[in-house]
PDB file of N, CA and C in Angstrom:
ATOM      1  N   MET A   1       8.139   9.886   9.681  1.00  0.00           N
ATOM      2  CA  MET A   1       8.542   8.833  10.847  1.00  0.00           C
ATOM      3  C   MET A   1       9.275   8.290  10.532  1.00  0.00           C
ATOM      4  N   LYS A   2      10.810   8.221   9.795  1.00  0.00           N
ATOM      5  CA  LYS A   2      11.736   7.071   9.871  1.00  0.00           C
ATOM      6  C   LYS A   2      12.897   8.018  11.007  1.00  0.00           C
ATOM      7  N   GLU A   3      12.299   9.827  10.664  1.00  0.00           N
ATOM      8  CA  GLU A   3      13.635  10.956  11.632  1.00  0.00           C
ATOM      9  C   GLU A   3      13.060  10.428  12.680  1.00  0.00           C
ATOM     10  N   TYR A   4      11.640  10.626  12.992  1.00  0.00           N
ATOM     11  CA  TYR A   4      10.647  10.724  13.977  1.00  0.00           C
ATOM     12  C   TYR A   4      11.201   9.433  14.986  1.00  0.00           C
ATOM     13  N   THR A   5      11.275   8.225  15.054  1.00  0.00           N
ATOM     14  CA  THR A   5      11.347   7.355  15.472  1.00  0.00           C
ATOM     15  C   THR A   5      12.591   6.574  15.480  1.00  0.00           C
ATOM     16  N   ASP A   6      13.709   7.134  14.539  1.00  0.00           N
ATOM     17  CA  ASP A   6      15.059   7.162  15.032  1.00  0.00           C
ATOM     18  C   ASP A   6      15.360   7.944  15.946  1.00  0.00           C
ATOM     19  N   GLU A   7      15.674   9.681  16.157  1.00  0.00           N
ATOM     20  CA  GLU A   7      15.452  10.374  17.643  1.00  0.00           C
ATOM     21  C   GLU A   7      14.795  10.373  18.608  1.00  0.00           C
ATOM     22  N   HIS A   8      13.542   9.178  18.792  1.00  0.00           N
ATOM     23  CA  HIS A   8      13.082   9.200  19.579  1.00  0.00           C
ATOM     24  C   HIS A   8      13.011   8.027  19.975  1.00  0.00           C
ATOM     25  N   PRO A   9      13.784   6.984  19.582  1.00  0.00           N
ATOM     26  CA  PRO A   9      13.651   5.344  20.485  1.00  0.00           C
ATOM     27  C   PRO A   9      12.808   4.448  20.983  1.00  0.00           C
ATOM     28  N   GLN A  10      12.998   5.318  22.459  1.00  0.00           N
ATOM     29  CA  GLN A  10      12.680   5.583  23.875  1.00  0.00           C
ATOM     30  C   GLN A  10      11.177   5.921  24.152  1.00  0.00           C
ATOM     31  N   ASP A  11      11.886   6.332  23.627  1.00  0.00           N
ATOM     32  CA  ASP A  11       9.236   7.364  23.696  1.00  0.00           C
ATOM     33  C   ASP A  11       8.738   5.833  24.145  1.00  0.00           C
ATOM     34  N   ARG A  12       7.316   6.311  24.764  1.00  0.00           N
ATOM     35  CA  ARG A  12       6.297   4.810  25.346  1.00  0.00           C
ATOM     36  C   ARG A  12       6.188   4.643  23.943  1.00  0.00           C
ATOM     37  N   TYR A  13       5.515   4.966  22.705  1.00  0.00           N
ATOM     38  CA  TYR A  13       4.537   4.532  21.876  1.00  0.00           C
ATOM     39  C   TYR A  13       5.368   4.590  20.616  1.00  0.00           C
ATOM     40  N   THR A  14       6.750   4.827  20.352  1.00  0.00           N
ATOM     41  CA  THR A  14       7.722   4.608  19.220  1.00  0.00           C
ATOM     42  C   THR A  14       7.917   3.247  18.185  1.00  0.00           C
ATOM     43  N   ASN A  15       7.786   2.082  19.574  1.00  0.00           N
ATOM     44  CA  ASN A  15       7.296   0.561  18.658  1.00  0.00           C
ATOM     45  C   ASN A  15       5.970   0.890  17.777  1.00  0.00           C
ATOM     46  N   ASN A  16       4.899   0.901  18.696  1.00  0.00           N
ATOM     47  CA  ASN A  16       3.959   0.596  17.796  1.00  0.00           C
ATOM     48  C   ASN A  16       3.150   1.361  16.851  1.00  0.00           C
ATOM     49  N   MET A  17       4.106   2.373  16.611  1.00  0.00           N
ATOM     50  CA  MET A  17       4.520   3.609  15.213  1.00  0.00           C
ATOM     51  C   MET A  17       5.038   2.794  14.250  1.00  0.00           C
ATOM     52  N   VAL A  18       6.209   1.979  14.805  1.00  0.00           N
ATOM     53  CA  VAL A  18       6.566   1.522  14.053  1.00  0.00           C
ATOM     54  C   VAL A  18       6.265   0.004  13.442  1.00  0.00           C
ATOM     55  N   GLU A  19       5.083  -0.363  14.377  1.00  0.00           N
ATOM     56  CA  GLU A  19       5.196  -1.603  13.634  1.00  0.00           C
ATOM     57  C   GLU A  19       3.457  -0.915  12.749  1.00  0.00           C
ATOM     58  N   GLN A  20       2.928   0.528  13.033  1.00  0.00           N
ATOM     59  CA  GLN A  20       1.765   0.713  12.364  1.00  0.00           C
ATOM     60  C   GLN A  20       2.273   1.246  10.713  1.00  0.00           C
ATOM     61  N   VAL A  21       4.043   1.379  10.603  1.00  0.00           N
ATOM     62  CA  VAL A  21       3.967   1.041   9.077  1.00  0.00           C
ATOM     63  C   VAL A  21       5.118   0.298   9.103  1.00  0.00           C
ATOM     64  N   GLY A  22       5.694  -0.674  10.010  1.00  0.00           N
ATOM     65  CA  GLY A  22       5.608  -1.571   8.692  1.00  0.00           C
ATOM     66  C   GLY A  22       4.126  -2.374   8.137  1.00  0.00           C
ATOM     67  N   MET A  23       3.343  -2.329   8.691  1.00  0.00           N
ATOM     68  CA  MET A  23       1.947  -2.812   8.190  1.00  0.00           C
ATOM     69  C   MET A  23       1.126  -1.852   7.465  1.00  0.00           C
ATOM     70  N   ILE A  24       1.525  -0.512   7.187  1.00  0.00           N
ATOM     71  CA  ILE A  24       1.819  -0.631   5.678  1.00  0.00           C
ATOM     72  C   ILE A  24       2.255  -0.510   4.832  1.00  0.00           C
ATOM     73  N   ASP A  25       3.951  -0.795   4.585  1.00  0.00           N
ATOM     74  CA  ASP A  25       5.037  -1.671   4.196  1.00  0.00           C
ATOM     75  C   ASP A  25       3.857  -2.617   3.898  1.00  0.00           C
ATOM     76  N   GLU A  26       4.286  -3.545   4.519  1.00  0.00           N
ATOM     77  CA  GLU A  26       3.074  -4.791   4.590  1.00  0.00           C
ATOM     78  C   GLU A  26       2.562  -4.278   2.915  1.00  0.00           C
ATOM     79  N   HIS A  27       1.095  -3.810   2.976  1.00  0.00           N
ATOM     80  CA  HIS A  27      -0.296  -4.244   2.221  1.00  0.00           C
ATOM     81  C   HIS A  27       0.276  -3.370   0.991  1.00  0.00           C
ATOM     82  N   TYR A  28       1.417  -1.792   1.261  1.00  0.00           N
ATOM     83  CA  TYR A  28       1.317  -1.531  -0.575  1.00  0.00           C
ATOM     84  C   TYR A  28       2.839  -2.935  -0.877  1.00  0.00           C
ATOM     85  N   ALA A  29       3.775  -3.597   0.147  1.00  0.00           N
ATOM     86  CA  ALA A  29       3.619  -4.873  -1.124  1.00  0.00           C
ATOM     87  C   ALA A  29       3.305  -5.755  -1.255  1.00  0.00           C
ATOM     88  N   GLU A  30       1.780  -5.460  -1.185  1.00  0.00           N
ATOM     89  CA  GLU A  30       1.485  -6.713  -1.189  1.00  0.00           C
ATOM     90  C   GLU A  30       0.209  -6.290  -2.351  1.00  0.00           C
ATOM     91  N   PHE A  31      -0.365  -5.176  -2.407  1.00  0.00           N
ATOM     92  CA  PHE A  31      -0.570  -4.394  -4.106  1.00  0.00           C
ATOM     93  C   PHE A  31       0.981  -4.696  -5.433  1.00  0.00           C
ATOM     94  N   GLU A  32       1.412  -4.117  -4.464  1.00  0.00           N
ATOM     95  CA  GLU A  32       2.190  -4.063  -5.728  1.00  0.00           C
ATOM     96  C   GLU A  32       2.696  -5.472  -6.560  1.00  0.00           C
ATOM     97  N   ASN A  33       2.426  -6.601  -5.431  1.00  0.00           N
ATOM     98  CA  ASN A  33       2.637  -7.710  -6.389  1.00  0.00           C
ATOM     99  C   ASN A  33       1.794  -8.118  -7.540  1.00  0.00           C
ATOM    100  N   TYR A  34       0.666  -7.005  -6.818  1.00  0.00           N
ATOM    101  CA  TYR A  34      -0.516  -7.903  -7.449  1.00  0.00           C
ATOM    102  C   TYR A  34      -0.612  -7.461  -8.329  1.00  0.00           C
ATOM    103  N   LEU A  35       0.381  -6.226  -8.641  1.00  0.00           N
ATOM    104  CA  LEU A  35       0.236  -5.321  -9.877  1.00  0.00           C
ATOM    105  C   LEU A  35       1.005  -6.295 -11.080  1.00  0.00           C
ATOM    106  N   GLN A  36       2.297  -6.916 -10.078  1.00  0.00           N
ATOM    107  CA  GLN A  36       3.048  -7.449 -11.527  1.00  0.00           C
ATOM    108  C   GLN A  36       1.948  -7.796 -11.870  1.00  0.00           C
ATOM    109  N   LYS A  37       1.459  -8.696 -12.083  1.00  0.00           N
ATOM    110  CA  LYS A  37       0.674 -10.092 -13.116  1.00  0.00           C
ATOM    111  C   LYS A  37       0.087  -9.436 -13.689  1.00  0.00           C
ATOM    112  N   PHE A  38       0.210  -7.325 -14.419  1.00  0.00           N
ATOM    113  CA  PHE A  38      -0.324  -7.240 -14.967  1.00  0.00           C
ATOM    114  C   PHE A  38       0.611  -6.188 -15.961  1.00  0.00           C
ATOM    115  N   ASP A  39       1.726  -6.382 -15.527  1.00  0.00           N
ATOM    116  CA  ASP A  39       2.832  -5.763 -16.125  1.00  0.00           C
ATOM    117  C   ASP A  39       2.928  -5.816 -17.524  1.00  0.00           C
ATOM    118  N   LYS A  40       3.456  -7.093 -17.442  1.00  0.00           N
ATOM    119  CA  LYS A  40       3.477  -7.865 -19.034  1.00  0.00           C
ATOM    120  C   LYS A  40       2.262  -6.985 -19.932  1.00  0.00           C
ATOM    121  N   GLY A  41       1.179  -7.316 -19.714  1.00  0.00           N
ATOM    122  CA  GLY A  41       0.618  -7.295 -21.009  1.00  0.00           C
ATOM    123  C   GLY A  41      -0.246  -5.333 -20.748  1.00  0.00           C
ATOM    124  N   LEU A  42       0.293  -4.869 -19.372  1.00  0.00           N
ATOM    125  CA  LEU A  42       0.046  -3.730 -20.261  1.00  0.00           C
ATOM    126  C   LEU A  42       1.167  -2.597 -20.329  1.00  0.00           C
ATOM    127  N   SER A  43       2.595  -3.138 -20.154  1.00  0.00           N
ATOM    128  CA  SER A  43       3.226  -2.209 -20.618  1.00  0.00           C
ATOM    129  C   SER A  43       2.805  -1.298 -22.256  1.00  0.00           C
ATOM    130  N   SER A  44       3.587  -0.464 -22.739  1.00  0.00           N
ATOM    131  CA  SER A  44       3.761  -0.404 -24.119  1.00  0.00           C
ATOM    132  C   SER A  44       4.050  -1.269 -24.777  1.00  0.00           C
ATOM    133  N   ALA A  45       5.087  -1.812 -24.373  1.00  0.00           N
ATOM    134  CA  ALA A  45       5.991  -2.681 -25.174  1.00  0.00           C
ATOM    135  C   ALA A  45       5.566  -3.881 -25.006  1.00  0.00           C
ATOM    136  N   ALA A  46       4.561  -4.611 -24.749  1.00  0.00           N
ATOM    137  CA  ALA A  46       3.763  -5.664 -25.060  1.00  0.00           C
ATOM    138  C   ALA A  46       3.800  -6.272 -25.837  1.00  0.00           C
ATOM    139  N   LYS A  47       4.361  -7.444 -26.204  1.00  0.00           N
ATOM    140  CA  LYS A  47       3.599  -8.348 -27.094  1.00  0.00           C
ATOM    141  C   LYS A  47       2.861  -9.177 -27.628  1.00  0.00           C
ATOM    142  N   THR A  48       2.440  -8.664 -26.885  1.00  0.00           N
ATOM    143  CA  THR A  48       1.135 -10.192 -26.971  1.00  0.00           C
ATOM    144  C   THR A  48       0.280  -9.650 -27.384  1.00  0.00           C
ATOM    145  N   ASN A  49      -0.475 -10.455 -27.774  1.00  0.00           N
ATOM    146  CA  ASN A  49      -1.590  -9.644 -29.679  1.00  0.00           C
ATOM    147  C   ASN A  49      -3.129  -8.916 -28.524  1.00  0.00           C
ATOM    148  N   THR A  50      -3.078  -7.863 -29.243  1.00  0.00           N
ATOM    149  CA  THR A  50      -3.795  -6.756 -29.339  1.00  0.00           C
ATOM    150  C   THR A  50      -4.818  -7.128 -28.032  1.00  0.00           C
ATOM    151  N   VAL A  51      -5.834  -8.271 -27.914  1.00  0.00           N
ATOM    152  CA  VAL A  51      -6.624  -8.926 -28.073  1.00  0.00           C
ATOM    153  C   VAL A  51      -6.930  -8.926 -26.392  1.00  0.00           C
ATOM    154  N   VAL A  52      -5.978  -9.791 -26.363  1.00  0.00           N
ATOM    155  CA  VAL A  52      -5.785  -9.922 -24.952  1.00  0.00           C
ATOM    156  C   VAL A  52      -5.155  -9.213 -24.544  1.00  0.00           C
ATOM    157  N   SER A  53      -3.793  -8.676 -24.656  1.00  0.00           N
ATOM    158  CA  SER A  53      -3.839  -7.178 -24.175  1.00  0.00           C
ATOM    159  C   SER A  53      -5.392  -6.432 -24.091  1.00  0.00           C
ATOM    160  N   ALA A  54      -6.170  -5.542 -24.253  1.00  0.00           N
ATOM    161  CA  ALA A  54      -7.815  -5.969 -23.958  1.00  0.00           C
ATOM    162  C   ALA A  54      -8.029  -5.588 -23.042  1.00  0.00           C
ATOM    163  N   VAL A  55      -8.691  -7.382 -23.567  1.00  0.00           N
ATOM    164  CA  VAL A  55      -8.914  -8.309 -21.603  1.00  0.00           C
ATOM    165  C   VAL A  55      -8.177  -8.262 -21.406  1.00  0.00           C
ATOM    166  N   LYS A  56      -7.122  -7.729 -20.525  1.00  0.00           N
ATOM    167  CA  LYS A  56      -6.179  -7.631 -19.638  1.00  0.00           C
ATOM    168  C   LYS A  56      -6.711  -6.201 -18.697  1.00  0.00           C
ATOM    169  N   LYS A  57      -6.567  -4.658 -20.383  1.00  0.00           N
ATOM    170  CA  LYS A  57      -6.565  -3.926 -19.628  1.00  0.00           C
ATOM    171  C   LYS A  57      -8.371  -3.860 -19.002  1.00  0.00           C
ATOM    172  N   VAL A  58      -8.416  -4.394 -19.625  1.00  0.00           N
ATOM    173  CA  VAL A  58     -10.774  -4.125 -19.204  1.00  0.00           C
ATOM    174  C   VAL A  58     -10.484  -5.079 -17.539  1.00  0.00           C
ATOM    175  N   ARG A  59     -10.054  -6.117 -17.634  1.00  0.00           N
ATOM    176  CA  ARG A  59      -9.963  -6.830 -16.460  1.00  0.00           C
ATOM    177  C   ARG A  59     -10.142  -5.661 -15.186  1.00  0.00           C
ATOM    178  N   TRP A  60      -8.577  -5.905 -15.401  1.00  0.00           N
ATOM    179  CA  TRP A  60      -8.336  -5.292 -14.679  1.00  0.00           C
ATOM    180  C   TRP A  60      -8.414  -3.968 -14.095  1.00  0.00           C
ATOM    181  N   THR A  61      -8.905  -3.060 -14.475  1.00  0.00           N
ATOM    182  CA  THR A  61      -9.099  -1.551 -14.649  1.00  0.00           C
ATOM    183  C   THR A  61     -10.035  -1.531 -14.390  1.00  0.00           C
ATOM    184  N   LEU A  62     -11.746  -1.825 -15.164  1.00  0.00           N
ATOM    185  CA  LEU A  62     -13.303  -2.731 -14.267  1.00  0.00           C
ATOM    186  C   LEU A  62     -13.589  -3.654 -12.714  1.00  0.00           C
ATOM    187  N   LYS A  63     -13.030  -4.420 -12.729  1.00  0.00           N
ATOM    188  CA  LYS A  63     -13.218  -5.714 -11.969  1.00  0.00           C
ATOM    189  C   LYS A  63     -12.040  -5.693 -10.330  1.00  0.00           C
ATOM    190  N   GLU A  64     -11.377  -6.234 -11.329  1.00  0.00           N
ATOM    191  CA  GLU A  64     -10.127  -6.312  -9.395  1.00  0.00           C
ATOM    192  C   GLU A  64      -9.413  -5.970  -8.739  1.00  0.00           C
ATOM    193  N   LEU A  65      -9.031  -4.187 -10.360  1.00  0.00           N
ATOM    194  CA  LEU A  65      -8.511  -3.372  -9.422  1.00  0.00           C
ATOM    195  C   LEU A  65      -9.049  -2.215  -8.832  1.00  0.00           C
ATOM    196  N   LYS A  66     -11.405  -2.243  -8.880  1.00  0.00           N
ATOM    197  CA  LYS A  66     -11.325  -1.110  -8.179  1.00  0.00           C
ATOM    198  C   LYS A  66     -11.092  -1.819  -6.373  1.00  0.00           C
ATOM    199  N   GLY A  67     -11.626  -2.859  -6.025  1.00  0.00           N
ATOM    200  CA  GLY A  67     -11.569  -3.570  -5.225  1.00  0.00           C
ATOM    201  C   GLY A  67     -10.084  -3.608  -4.274  1.00  0.00           C
ATOM    202  N   LYS A  68      -8.944  -4.509  -5.116  1.00  0.00           N
ATOM    203  CA  LYS A  68      -7.361  -4.205  -4.673  1.00  0.00           C
ATOM    204  C   LYS A  68      -7.392  -2.748  -4.210  1.00  0.00           C
ATOM    205  N   VAL A  69      -8.085  -1.618  -4.479  1.00  0.00           N
ATOM    206  CA  VAL A  69      -8.050  -0.394  -4.496  1.00  0.00           C
ATOM    207  C   VAL A  69      -8.389   0.433  -3.334  1.00  0.00           C
ATOM    208  N   ASP A  70      -9.632  -0.793  -2.929  1.00  0.00           N
ATOM    209  CA  ASP A  70     -10.270   0.258  -2.236  1.00  0.00           C
ATOM    210  C   ASP A  70      -9.762   0.197  -0.619  1.00  0.00           C
ATOM    211  N   ALA A  71      -9.324  -1.556  -0.371  1.00  0.00           N
ATOM    212  CA  ALA A  71      -8.664  -1.813  -0.044  1.00  0.00           C
ATOM    213  C   ALA A  71      -7.687  -2.060   0.563  1.00  0.00           C
ATOM    214  N   LEU A  72      -7.035  -1.163  -0.062  1.00  0.00           N
ATOM    215  CA  LEU A  72      -5.770  -0.803   0.327  1.00  0.00           C
ATOM    216  C   LEU A  72      -5.962   0.896   1.123  1.00  0.00           C
ATOM    217  N   LYS A  73      -6.306   0.902   0.450  1.00  0.00           N
ATOM    218  CA  LYS A  73      -6.860   3.013   0.814  1.00  0.00           C
ATOM    219  C   LYS A  73      -7.271   2.507   2.041  1.00  0.00           C
ATOM    220  N   PHE A  74      -8.782   1.366   2.271  1.00  0.00           N
ATOM    221  CA  PHE A  74      -9.068   1.921   4.113  1.00  0.00           C
ATOM    222  C   PHE A  74      -8.017   0.415   4.799  1.00  0.00           C
ATOM    223  N   ALA A  75      -7.157  -0.073   4.259  1.00  0.00           N
ATOM    224  CA  ALA A  75      -5.916  -0.379   5.156  1.00  0.00           C
ATOM    225  C   ALA A  75      -5.252   0.471   5.680  1.00  0.00           C
ATOM    226  N   ILE A  76      -5.175   1.482   4.859  1.00  0.00           N
ATOM    227  CA  ILE A  76      -4.098   2.228   5.647  1.00  0.00           C
ATOM    228  C   ILE A  76      -4.330   3.402   5.993  1.00  0.00           C
ATOM    229  N   THR A  77      -5.416   3.345   5.420  1.00  0.00           N
ATOM    230  CA  THR A  77      -6.538   4.794   6.098  1.00  0.00           C
ATOM    231  C   THR A  77      -6.879   4.855   7.950  1.00  0.00           C
ATOM    232  N   ALA A  78      -6.708   2.922   8.281  1.00  0.00           N
ATOM    233  CA  ALA A  78      -6.751   2.768   9.425  1.00  0.00           C
ATOM    234  C   ALA A  78      -5.670   3.364  10.441  1.00  0.00           C
ATOM    235  N   LEU A  79      -4.623   2.657   9.316  1.00  0.00           N
ATOM    236  CA  LEU A  79      -3.247   2.310  10.405  1.00  0.00           C
ATOM    237  C   LEU A  79      -2.401   4.477  10.420  1.00  0.00           C
ATOM    238  N   GLN A  80      -2.891   4.587   9.487  1.00  0.00           N
ATOM    239  CA  GLN A  80      -2.408   6.320   9.599  1.00  0.00           C
ATOM    240  C   GLN A  80      -3.071   6.895  10.669  1.00  0.00           C
ATOM    241  N   MET A  81      -4.322   7.161  10.455  1.00  0.00           N
ATOM    242  CA  MET A  81      -5.401   7.117  12.037  1.00  0.00           C
ATOM    243  C   MET A  81      -5.431   7.105  12.479  1.00  0.00           C
ATOM    244  N   SER A  82      -4.207   5.349  13.301  1.00  0.00           N
ATOM    245  CA  SER A  82      -3.447   5.691  14.691  1.00  0.00           C
ATOM    246  C   SER A  82      -2.261   5.559  14.969  1.00  0.00           C
ATOM    247  N   ILE A  83      -1.677   5.773  13.619  1.00  0.00           N
ATOM    248  CA  ILE A  83      -0.379   6.633  13.639  1.00  0.00           C
ATOM    249  C   ILE A  83      -0.743   8.132  14.365  1.00  0.00           C
ATOM    250  N   ASN A  84      -1.360   8.271  13.807  1.00  0.00           N
ATOM    251  CA  ASN A  84      -1.681   9.764  14.223  1.00  0.00           C
ATOM    252  C   ASN A  84      -1.963  10.104  15.403  1.00  0.00           C
ATOM    253  N   MET A  85      -2.754   9.112  16.222  1.00  0.00           N
ATOM    254  CA  MET A  85      -3.090   9.295  17.699  1.00  0.00           C
ATOM    255  C   MET A  85      -2.024   8.945  18.502  1.00  0.00           C
ATOM    256  N   LEU A  86      -1.016   7.756  17.921  1.00  0.00           N
ATOM    257  CA  LEU A  86       0.117   7.486  19.312  1.00  0.00           C
ATOM    258  C   LEU A  86       0.886   9.247  19.232  1.00  0.00           C
ATOM    259  N   LEU A  87       0.757   9.537  17.485  1.00  0.00           N
ATOM    260  CA  LEU A  87       1.583  10.660  18.272  1.00  0.00           C
ATOM    261  C   LEU A  87       0.985  11.450  19.114  1.00  0.00           C
ATOM    262  N   ILE A  88      -0.181  11.394  19.187  1.00  0.00           N
ATOM    263  CA  ILE A  88      -0.385  13.288  20.112  1.00  0.00           C
ATOM    264  C   ILE A  88      -0.157  12.160  21.224  1.00  0.00           C
ATOM    265  N   LEU A  89      -0.423  10.982  22.046  1.00  0.00           N
ATOM    266  CA  LEU A  89      -0.442  10.577  22.813  1.00  0.00           C
ATOM    267  C   LEU A  89       1.325  10.390  22.998  1.00  0.00           C
ATOM    268  N   GLN A  90       1.842  10.398  22.555  1.00  0.00           N
ATOM    269  CA  GLN A  90       4.001  10.228  22.755  1.00  0.00           C
ATOM    270  C   GLN A  90       3.355  11.996  22.934  1.00  0.00           C
ATOM    271  N   ILE A  91       2.979  12.267  21.832  1.00  0.00           N
ATOM    272  CA  ILE A  91       3.642  14.382  22.176  1.00  0.00           C
ATOM    273  C   ILE A  91       3.231  15.001  23.899  1.00  0.00           C
ATOM    274  N   GLN A  92       2.238  14.077  24.426  1.00  0.00           N
ATOM    275  CA  GLN A  92       1.491  14.536  25.228  1.00  0.00           C
ATOM    276  C   GLN A  92       2.153  14.320  26.313  1.00  0.00           C
TER     277      GLN A  92
END
């Protein structure tokens, strides 16, 4: 996408596509930030107590992560569809 927008900066929908890609980046960054709080407890080198580590893993995989993954998937899919539509309009 970057290559295309760099090659066609003046095309009608290029700015809109760049904005959509920026929003995708924001969603990924938010998700990565969310995952950081689990990083220490889930790493193989974690020095926390085994029970605490197990609780974090169960909580992460069963409850919170599913909702976050679903939200990320929904947001990214909607933005990808928008980018595809803009590309179709721009090519015509």
